[in-house]
Amino acid sequence: MNLRNIIIVGLLFYSCKGSIGAGTLGGWEVMELPVTESKLDSAMSVFFIDNPEYTVPEKWKYDSESWKRGGYDFLKSRFFYFKSAPEEMFYVSYIKPGFGVENPGWARIAIRSVYTEKMGWKNNEQYSEEEQVRIQNRFDEQIRSKLEQYTGVKTSIEE
């Protein structure tokens, strides 16, 4: 499924349900933090100041901005760049609480899509199970663990 089709499906789902869940864009695990979105925003800002290597490089700025051009600018999101092999960029967005969510005051985020120069944007369904696990582990080891330090809380995975 190409980015255009992903956007169309997402917008159709949004118009029917009123909110978008992690699965709509092919999301990986939903990570919950017992902090406000504002506190997570602050932690992420400090994260990028302290770890500028995760900032999207100029050569991929156009590709990271494709989400806005595609109509996803209503989603609160961040991009995490990984230079070491495999070079890739993760599109991570906040997940709004939906029906049945037990902790609506918690901040919730998930990887929604992964970009490589060779393959473009791909969601989790377009990766083998082994690659899905590799991507989630990379996020957990390099990003999640640091966000826990910056926020001072332990994260959990939404069931």
N, C-alpha and C. Protein backbone atom coordinates (compact mmCIF):
# COMPACT_ATOMS: atom_id res chain seq x y z
N MET A 1 0.86 -1.17 0.00
CA MET A 1 0.00 0.00 0.00
C MET A 1 0.90 1.24 0.00
N ASN A 2 0.68 2.15 -0.92
CA ASN A 2 1.50 3.35 -0.97
C ASN A 2 0.97 4.42 -0.02
N LEU A 3 1.75 5.48 0.16
CA LEU A 3 1.39 6.53 1.12
C LEU A 3 0.04 7.14 0.79
N ARG A 4 -0.25 7.36 -0.48
CA ARG A 4 -1.53 7.95 -0.87
C ARG A 4 -2.70 7.08 -0.37
N ASN A 5 -2.59 5.76 -0.57
CA ASN A 5 -3.66 4.86 -0.13
C ASN A 5 -3.77 4.83 1.39
N ILE A 6 -2.63 4.87 2.08
CA ILE A 6 -2.65 4.90 3.54
C ILE A 6 -3.39 6.14 4.03
N ILE A 7 -3.11 7.27 3.41
CA ILE A 7 -3.76 8.52 3.80
C ILE A 7 -5.27 8.45 3.56
N ILE A 8 -5.66 7.93 2.40
CA ILE A 8 -7.08 7.85 2.09
C ILE A 8 -7.80 6.95 3.09
N VAL A 9 -7.23 5.78 3.36
CA VAL A 9 -7.84 4.86 4.33
C VAL A 9 -7.92 5.52 5.70
N GLY A 10 -6.85 6.19 6.11
CA GLY A 10 -6.84 6.86 7.41
C GLY A 10 -7.90 7.94 7.52
N LEU A 11 -8.03 8.73 6.48
CA LEU A 11 -9.03 9.80 6.50
C LEU A 11 -10.45 9.23 6.49
N LEU A 12 -10.67 8.16 5.75
CA LEU A 12 -11.99 7.52 5.77
C LEU A 12 -12.31 6.98 7.16
N PHE A 13 -11.35 6.33 7.78
CA PHE A 13 -11.55 5.81 9.13
C PHE A 13 -11.82 6.95 10.09
N TYR A 14 -11.04 8.02 9.99
CA TYR A 14 -11.20 9.17 10.88
C TYR A 14 -12.60 9.77 10.73
N SER A 15 -13.06 9.89 9.50
CA SER A 15 -14.37 10.51 9.30
C SER A 15 -15.50 9.64 9.86
N CYS A 16 -15.29 8.32 9.90
CA CYS A 16 -16.31 7.41 10.43
C CYS A 16 -16.24 7.27 11.95
N LYS A 17 -15.07 7.28 12.52
CA LYS A 17 -14.88 6.98 13.94
C LYS A 17 -14.62 8.22 14.79
N GLY A 18 -14.12 9.28 14.18
CA GLY A 18 -13.86 10.49 14.95
C GLY A 18 -12.48 10.51 15.60
N SER A 19 -11.75 9.40 15.58
CA SER A 19 -10.38 9.38 16.07
C SER A 19 -9.64 8.27 15.35
N ILE A 20 -8.34 8.37 15.39
CA ILE A 20 -7.52 7.38 14.70
C ILE A 20 -6.73 6.60 15.72
N GLY A 21 -6.79 5.30 15.64
CA GLY A 21 -6.01 4.43 16.51
C GLY A 21 -4.72 4.04 15.85
N ALA A 22 -3.84 3.37 16.61
CA ALA A 22 -2.53 3.01 16.09
C ALA A 22 -2.62 2.13 14.86
N GLY A 23 -3.59 1.25 14.80
CA GLY A 23 -3.66 0.32 13.69
C GLY A 23 -4.01 0.95 12.36
N THR A 24 -4.66 2.09 12.35
CA THR A 24 -5.09 2.72 11.12
C THR A 24 -3.92 3.02 10.21
N LEU A 25 -2.83 3.45 10.76
CA LEU A 25 -1.65 3.76 9.98
C LEU A 25 -0.63 2.64 10.04
N GLY A 26 -1.02 1.49 10.51
CA GLY A 26 -0.08 0.39 10.59
C GLY A 26 0.85 0.51 11.77
N GLY A 27 0.35 0.98 12.88
CA GLY A 27 1.20 1.25 14.03
C GLY A 27 1.76 0.01 14.72
N TRP A 28 2.88 0.21 15.34
CA TRP A 28 3.51 -0.80 16.18
C TRP A 28 2.87 -0.70 17.56
N GLU A 29 3.55 -1.17 18.59
CA GLU A 29 2.99 -1.15 19.96
C GLU A 29 2.67 0.27 20.40
N VAL A 30 1.58 0.40 21.14
CA VAL A 30 1.22 1.69 21.72
C VAL A 30 1.88 1.77 23.10
N MET A 31 2.74 2.76 23.25
CA MET A 31 3.47 2.96 24.50
C MET A 31 2.72 4.01 25.33
N GLU A 32 2.41 3.67 26.58
CA GLU A 32 1.71 4.58 27.47
C GLU A 32 2.67 5.10 28.53
N LEU A 33 2.57 6.38 28.83
CA LEU A 33 3.36 7.00 29.88
C LEU A 33 2.41 7.69 30.85
N PRO A 34 2.55 7.46 32.14
CA PRO A 34 1.66 8.11 33.11
C PRO A 34 2.05 9.57 33.36
N VAL A 35 2.06 10.34 32.27
CA VAL A 35 2.35 11.78 32.31
C VAL A 35 1.41 12.47 31.32
N THR A 36 1.28 13.75 31.43
CA THR A 36 0.47 14.51 30.48
C THR A 36 1.22 14.62 29.15
N GLU A 37 0.47 14.88 28.09
CA GLU A 37 1.11 15.10 26.79
C GLU A 37 2.08 16.27 26.86
N SER A 38 1.72 17.28 27.63
CA SER A 38 2.59 18.44 27.79
C SER A 38 3.94 18.05 28.38
N LYS A 39 3.92 17.21 29.41
CA LYS A 39 5.17 16.76 30.02
C LYS A 39 5.97 15.91 29.04
N LEU A 40 5.30 15.07 28.26
CA LEU A 40 6.00 14.28 27.26
C LEU A 40 6.58 15.18 26.17
N ASP A 41 5.85 16.22 25.76
CA ASP A 41 6.38 17.19 24.79
C ASP A 41 7.68 17.80 25.30
N SER A 42 7.67 18.22 26.55
CA SER A 42 8.86 18.83 27.14
C SER A 42 10.01 17.84 27.17
N ALA A 43 9.72 16.60 27.56
CA ALA A 43 10.76 15.57 27.61
C ALA A 43 11.33 15.31 26.22
N MET A 44 10.48 15.28 25.20
CA MET A 44 10.97 15.06 23.84
C MET A 44 11.81 16.22 23.36
N SER A 45 11.44 17.44 23.72
CA SER A 45 12.24 18.59 23.33
C SER A 45 13.64 18.50 23.91
N VAL A 46 13.73 18.15 25.18
CA VAL A 46 15.03 17.99 25.82
C VAL A 46 15.78 16.80 25.20
N PHE A 47 15.05 15.73 24.91
CA PHE A 47 15.65 14.56 24.27
C PHE A 47 16.38 14.98 22.99
N PHE A 48 15.72 15.74 22.12
CA PHE A 48 16.33 16.14 20.85
C PHE A 48 17.47 17.13 21.04
N ILE A 49 17.42 17.95 22.07
CA ILE A 49 18.54 18.86 22.37
C ILE A 49 19.75 18.04 22.81
N ASP A 50 19.52 17.08 23.69
CA ASP A 50 20.61 16.24 24.20
C ASP A 50 21.08 15.18 23.20
N ASN A 51 20.23 14.81 22.26
CA ASN A 51 20.52 13.73 21.30
C ASN A 51 20.23 14.20 19.87
N PRO A 52 20.97 15.20 19.38
CA PRO A 52 20.66 15.74 18.05
C PRO A 52 20.86 14.74 16.91
N GLU A 53 21.54 13.64 17.17
CA GLU A 53 21.73 12.62 16.13
C GLU A 53 20.42 11.98 15.69
N TYR A 54 19.36 12.13 16.48
CA TYR A 54 18.05 11.57 16.12
C TYR A 54 17.19 12.56 15.33
N THR A 55 17.70 13.76 15.11
CA THR A 55 16.98 14.78 14.36
C THR A 55 17.05 14.45 12.87
N VAL A 56 15.96 14.65 12.16
CA VAL A 56 15.90 14.36 10.73
C VAL A 56 16.93 15.22 9.99
N PRO A 57 17.79 14.58 9.19
CA PRO A 57 18.78 15.34 8.43
C PRO A 57 18.13 16.09 7.28
N GLU A 58 18.80 17.11 6.81
CA GLU A 58 18.28 17.95 5.73
C GLU A 58 17.87 17.12 4.51
N LYS A 59 18.64 16.08 4.19
CA LYS A 59 18.35 15.28 2.99
C LYS A 59 17.00 14.56 3.06
N TRP A 60 16.44 14.40 4.27
CA TRP A 60 15.15 13.71 4.44
C TRP A 60 14.04 14.63 4.93
N LYS A 61 14.31 15.95 4.98
CA LYS A 61 13.29 16.90 5.46
C LYS A 61 12.03 16.83 4.58
N TYR A 62 12.21 16.79 3.28
CA TYR A 62 11.06 16.74 2.37
C TYR A 62 10.20 15.51 2.67
N ASP A 63 10.86 14.37 2.89
CA ASP A 63 10.13 13.12 3.15
C ASP A 63 9.42 13.15 4.50
N SER A 64 10.02 13.81 5.50
CA SER A 64 9.36 13.89 6.80
C SER A 64 8.17 14.84 6.75
N GLU A 65 8.20 15.78 5.86
CA GLU A 65 7.10 16.73 5.74
C GLU A 65 5.96 16.21 4.86
N SER A 66 6.17 15.04 4.24
CA SER A 66 5.12 14.47 3.38
C SER A 66 3.86 14.17 4.16
N TRP A 67 3.98 13.91 5.46
CA TRP A 67 2.80 13.63 6.28
C TRP A 67 1.89 14.85 6.36
N LYS A 68 2.49 16.04 6.44
CA LYS A 68 1.68 17.28 6.45
C LYS A 68 1.02 17.48 5.09
N ARG A 69 1.80 17.30 4.04
CA ARG A 69 1.25 17.48 2.69
C ARG A 69 0.14 16.47 2.41
N GLY A 70 0.22 15.31 3.04
CA GLY A 70 -0.78 14.27 2.84
C GLY A 70 -2.02 14.42 3.70
N GLY A 71 -2.09 15.47 4.52
CA GLY A 71 -3.29 15.71 5.32
C GLY A 71 -3.21 15.21 6.74
N TYR A 72 -2.05 14.76 7.19
CA TYR A 72 -1.91 14.24 8.54
C TYR A 72 -1.36 15.29 9.52
N ASP A 73 -1.42 16.55 9.14
CA ASP A 73 -0.91 17.60 10.02
C ASP A 73 -1.76 17.77 11.27
N PHE A 74 -2.95 17.16 11.31
CA PHE A 74 -3.78 17.22 12.51
C PHE A 74 -3.26 16.27 13.59
N LEU A 75 -2.40 15.32 13.22
CA LEU A 75 -1.83 14.39 14.21
C LEU A 75 -0.60 15.01 14.85
N LYS A 76 -0.53 14.94 16.14
CA LYS A 76 0.64 15.38 16.88
C LYS A 76 1.68 14.27 16.71
N SER A 77 2.85 14.62 16.20
CA SER A 77 3.82 13.58 15.89
C SER A 77 5.26 14.08 16.00
N ARG A 78 6.18 13.12 15.95
CA ARG A 78 7.62 13.37 15.96
C ARG A 78 8.28 12.39 15.00
N PHE A 79 9.44 12.78 14.51
CA PHE A 79 10.23 11.91 13.65
C PHE A 79 11.55 11.62 14.34
N PHE A 80 11.96 10.37 14.30
CA PHE A 80 13.23 9.93 14.88
C PHE A 80 14.07 9.33 13.77
N TYR A 81 15.26 9.90 13.58
CA TYR A 81 16.17 9.46 12.52
C TYR A 81 17.26 8.58 13.11
N PHE A 82 17.59 7.51 12.39
CA PHE A 82 18.65 6.59 12.80
C PHE A 82 19.66 6.51 11.66
N LYS A 83 20.86 6.99 11.93
CA LYS A 83 21.89 7.01 10.89
C LYS A 83 22.55 5.65 10.70
N SER A 84 22.78 4.93 11.81
CA SER A 84 23.45 3.63 11.70
C SER A 84 22.56 2.64 10.95
N ALA A 85 23.20 1.70 10.30
CA ALA A 85 22.49 0.73 9.46
C ALA A 85 21.50 -0.09 10.27
N PRO A 86 20.31 -0.26 9.74
CA PRO A 86 19.82 0.34 8.51
C PRO A 86 19.39 1.79 8.75
N GLU A 87 19.84 2.68 7.89
CA GLU A 87 19.46 4.09 8.00
C GLU A 87 17.96 4.20 7.75
N GLU A 88 17.26 4.80 8.71
CA GLU A 88 15.81 4.88 8.59
C GLU A 88 15.28 6.00 9.48
N MET A 89 14.02 6.32 9.27
CA MET A 89 13.35 7.36 10.03
C MET A 89 12.01 6.79 10.49
N PHE A 90 11.68 7.01 11.77
CA PHE A 90 10.41 6.54 12.32
C PHE A 90 9.46 7.72 12.46
N TYR A 91 8.24 7.53 11.98
CA TYR A 91 7.17 8.49 12.19
C TYR A 91 6.40 8.00 13.41
N VAL A 92 6.43 8.77 14.49
CA VAL A 92 5.80 8.40 15.76
C VAL A 92 4.75 9.45 16.06
N SER A 93 3.52 8.98 16.35
CA SER A 93 2.49 9.97 16.67
C SER A 93 1.84 9.66 18.00
N TYR A 94 1.24 10.69 18.55
CA TYR A 94 0.46 10.57 19.78
C TYR A 94 -0.85 9.88 19.42
N ILE A 95 -1.33 9.08 20.34
CA ILE A 95 -2.60 8.38 20.14
C ILE A 95 -3.59 8.98 21.12
N LYS A 96 -4.68 9.48 20.59
CA LYS A 96 -5.72 10.05 21.45
C LYS A 96 -6.49 8.92 22.12
N PRO A 97 -6.91 9.11 23.36
CA PRO A 97 -7.70 8.08 24.02
C PRO A 97 -8.99 7.83 23.24
N GLY A 98 -9.35 6.60 23.14
CA GLY A 98 -10.58 6.22 22.45
C GLY A 98 -11.52 5.54 23.41
N PHE A 99 -12.59 5.06 22.89
CA PHE A 99 -13.58 4.36 23.69
C PHE A 99 -12.94 3.17 24.40
N GLY A 100 -13.15 3.05 25.69
CA GLY A 100 -12.64 1.92 26.44
C GLY A 100 -11.22 2.08 26.96
N VAL A 101 -10.57 3.21 26.68
CA VAL A 101 -9.21 3.42 27.17
C VAL A 101 -9.27 3.71 28.66
N GLU A 102 -8.52 2.93 29.45
CA GLU A 102 -8.60 3.04 30.90
C GLU A 102 -7.90 4.27 31.47
N ASN A 103 -6.89 4.76 30.79
CA ASN A 103 -6.09 5.86 31.32
C ASN A 103 -6.07 7.04 30.36
N PRO A 104 -7.19 7.73 30.18
CA PRO A 104 -7.23 8.81 29.19
C PRO A 104 -6.30 9.97 29.51
N GLY A 105 -5.83 10.11 30.75
CA GLY A 105 -4.91 11.19 31.10
C GLY A 105 -3.46 10.87 30.79
N TRP A 106 -3.17 9.68 30.37
CA TRP A 106 -1.81 9.28 30.07
C TRP A 106 -1.46 9.67 28.63
N ALA A 107 -0.19 9.96 28.41
CA ALA A 107 0.29 10.19 27.05
C ALA A 107 0.54 8.84 26.39
N ARG A 108 0.12 8.72 25.15
CA ARG A 108 0.26 7.45 24.41
C ARG A 108 0.86 7.75 23.05
N ILE A 109 1.89 6.99 22.67
CA ILE A 109 2.53 7.17 21.37
C ILE A 109 2.79 5.81 20.73
N ALA A 110 2.98 5.82 19.41
CA ALA A 110 3.30 4.59 18.69
C ALA A 110 4.05 4.94 17.40
N ILE A 111 4.91 4.03 16.98
CA ILE A 111 5.52 4.14 15.66
C ILE A 111 4.38 3.91 14.68
N ARG A 112 4.24 4.77 13.70
CA ARG A 112 3.17 4.62 12.71
C ARG A 112 3.70 4.12 11.37
N SER A 113 4.94 4.54 11.02
CA SER A 113 5.49 4.19 9.74
C SER A 113 7.00 4.36 9.80
N VAL A 114 7.70 3.67 8.90
CA VAL A 114 9.16 3.72 8.85
C VAL A 114 9.57 4.07 7.43
N TYR A 115 10.54 4.97 7.32
CA TYR A 115 11.03 5.44 6.02
C TYR A 115 12.46 5.00 5.79
N THR A 116 12.72 4.50 4.60
CA THR A 116 14.09 4.28 4.14
C THR A 116 14.18 4.92 2.76
N GLU A 117 15.37 5.34 2.42
CA GLU A 117 15.56 6.01 1.14
C GLU A 117 15.19 5.09 -0.03
N LYS A 118 15.49 3.83 0.10
CA LYS A 118 15.24 2.85 -0.96
C LYS A 118 13.75 2.49 -1.09
N MET A 119 13.06 2.33 0.04
CA MET A 119 11.69 1.82 0.03
C MET A 119 10.62 2.88 0.29
N GLY A 120 10.99 4.06 0.72
CA GLY A 120 10.00 5.07 1.06
C GLY A 120 9.32 4.73 2.38
N TRP A 121 8.10 5.24 2.57
CA TRP A 121 7.35 4.99 3.80
C TRP A 121 6.65 3.64 3.72
N LYS A 122 6.77 2.85 4.79
CA LYS A 122 6.10 1.55 4.87
C LYS A 122 5.52 1.40 6.28
N ASN A 123 4.31 0.79 6.34
CA ASN A 123 3.74 0.54 7.66
C ASN A 123 4.13 -0.86 8.12
N ASN A 124 3.75 -1.23 9.33
CA ASN A 124 4.21 -2.50 9.90
C ASN A 124 3.76 -3.72 9.11
N GLU A 125 2.60 -3.66 8.48
CA GLU A 125 2.11 -4.80 7.71
C GLU A 125 2.97 -5.08 6.48
N GLN A 126 3.77 -4.12 6.09
CA GLN A 126 4.62 -4.29 4.91
C GLN A 126 6.00 -4.85 5.27
N TYR A 127 6.21 -5.10 6.55
CA TYR A 127 7.47 -5.67 7.02
C TYR A 127 7.25 -7.11 7.47
N SER A 128 8.29 -7.91 7.36
CA SER A 128 8.22 -9.26 7.91
C SER A 128 8.12 -9.15 9.43
N GLU A 129 7.67 -10.21 10.05
CA GLU A 129 7.56 -10.22 11.51
C GLU A 129 8.92 -9.94 12.16
N GLU A 130 9.96 -10.50 11.58
CA GLU A 130 11.33 -10.28 12.10
C GLU A 130 11.72 -8.80 12.04
N GLU A 131 11.39 -8.14 10.94
CA GLU A 131 11.70 -6.71 10.79
C GLU A 131 10.84 -5.86 11.72
N GLN A 132 9.58 -6.25 11.92
CA GLN A 132 8.72 -5.52 12.85
C GLN A 132 9.33 -5.54 14.25
N VAL A 133 9.82 -6.71 14.66
CA VAL A 133 10.43 -6.85 15.98
C VAL A 133 11.72 -6.03 16.05
N ARG A 134 12.53 -6.06 14.98
CA ARG A 134 13.77 -5.28 14.96
C ARG A 134 13.48 -3.79 15.13
N ILE A 135 12.48 -3.31 14.41
CA ILE A 135 12.11 -1.89 14.47
C ILE A 135 11.63 -1.52 15.87
N GLN A 136 10.73 -2.34 16.44
CA GLN A 136 10.23 -2.06 17.79
C GLN A 136 11.37 -2.09 18.80
N ASN A 137 12.26 -3.06 18.69
CA ASN A 137 13.40 -3.15 19.62
C ASN A 137 14.31 -1.95 19.49
N ARG A 138 14.53 -1.48 18.27
CA ARG A 138 15.38 -0.30 18.07
C ARG A 138 14.76 0.91 18.77
N PHE A 139 13.47 1.06 18.60
CA PHE A 139 12.78 2.17 19.26
C PHE A 139 12.86 2.04 20.78
N ASP A 140 12.58 0.84 21.28
CA ASP A 140 12.60 0.62 22.73
C ASP A 140 13.98 0.88 23.33
N GLU A 141 15.02 0.39 22.68
CA GLU A 141 16.38 0.51 23.22
C GLU A 141 16.94 1.91 23.11
N GLN A 142 16.64 2.60 22.01
CA GLN A 142 17.27 3.90 21.78
C GLN A 142 16.39 5.09 22.13
N ILE A 143 15.10 4.94 22.06
CA ILE A 143 14.19 6.08 22.30
C ILE A 143 13.39 5.88 23.58
N ARG A 144 12.66 4.80 23.67
CA ARG A 144 11.78 4.56 24.82
C ARG A 144 12.55 4.65 26.14
N SER A 145 13.69 3.99 26.20
CA SER A 145 14.47 4.00 27.44
C SER A 145 14.89 5.41 27.83
N LYS A 146 15.22 6.24 26.86
CA LYS A 146 15.61 7.63 27.15
C LYS A 146 14.40 8.46 27.56
N LEU A 147 13.25 8.23 26.91
CA LEU A 147 12.05 8.97 27.30
C LEU A 147 11.64 8.65 28.73
N GLU A 148 11.85 7.41 29.14
CA GLU A 148 11.58 7.05 30.54
C GLU A 148 12.49 7.85 31.47
N GLN A 149 13.75 8.02 31.09
CA GLN A 149 14.67 8.81 31.92
C GLN A 149 14.24 10.28 31.96
N TYR A 150 13.89 10.84 30.81
CA TYR A 150 13.52 12.25 30.75
C TYR A 150 12.20 12.55 31.46
N THR A 151 11.27 11.61 31.42
CA THR A 151 9.98 11.85 32.09
C THR A 151 9.99 11.40 33.55
N GLY A 152 10.94 10.52 33.90
CA GLY A 152 11.02 10.00 35.26
C GLY A 152 9.95 8.96 35.56
N VAL A 153 9.38 8.35 34.53
CA VAL A 153 8.34 7.32 34.72
C VAL A 153 8.66 6.11 33.86
N LYS A 154 8.08 4.98 34.24
CA LYS A 154 8.18 3.76 33.44
C LYS A 154 7.01 3.74 32.45
N THR A 155 7.29 3.28 31.26
CA THR A 155 6.24 3.14 30.27
C THR A 155 5.61 1.76 30.36
N SER A 156 4.47 1.63 29.76
CA SER A 156 3.83 0.33 29.64
C SER A 156 3.31 0.22 28.20
N ILE A 157 3.03 -1.00 27.80
CA ILE A 157 2.50 -1.24 26.47
C ILE A 157 1.00 -1.51 26.60
N GLU A 158 0.23 -0.79 25.78
CA GLU A 158 -1.22 -0.96 25.81
C GLU A 158 -1.58 -2.34 25.30
N GLU A 159 -2.44 -2.99 26.02
CA GLU A 159 -2.88 -4.36 25.63
C GLU A 159 -3.98 -4.28 24.61
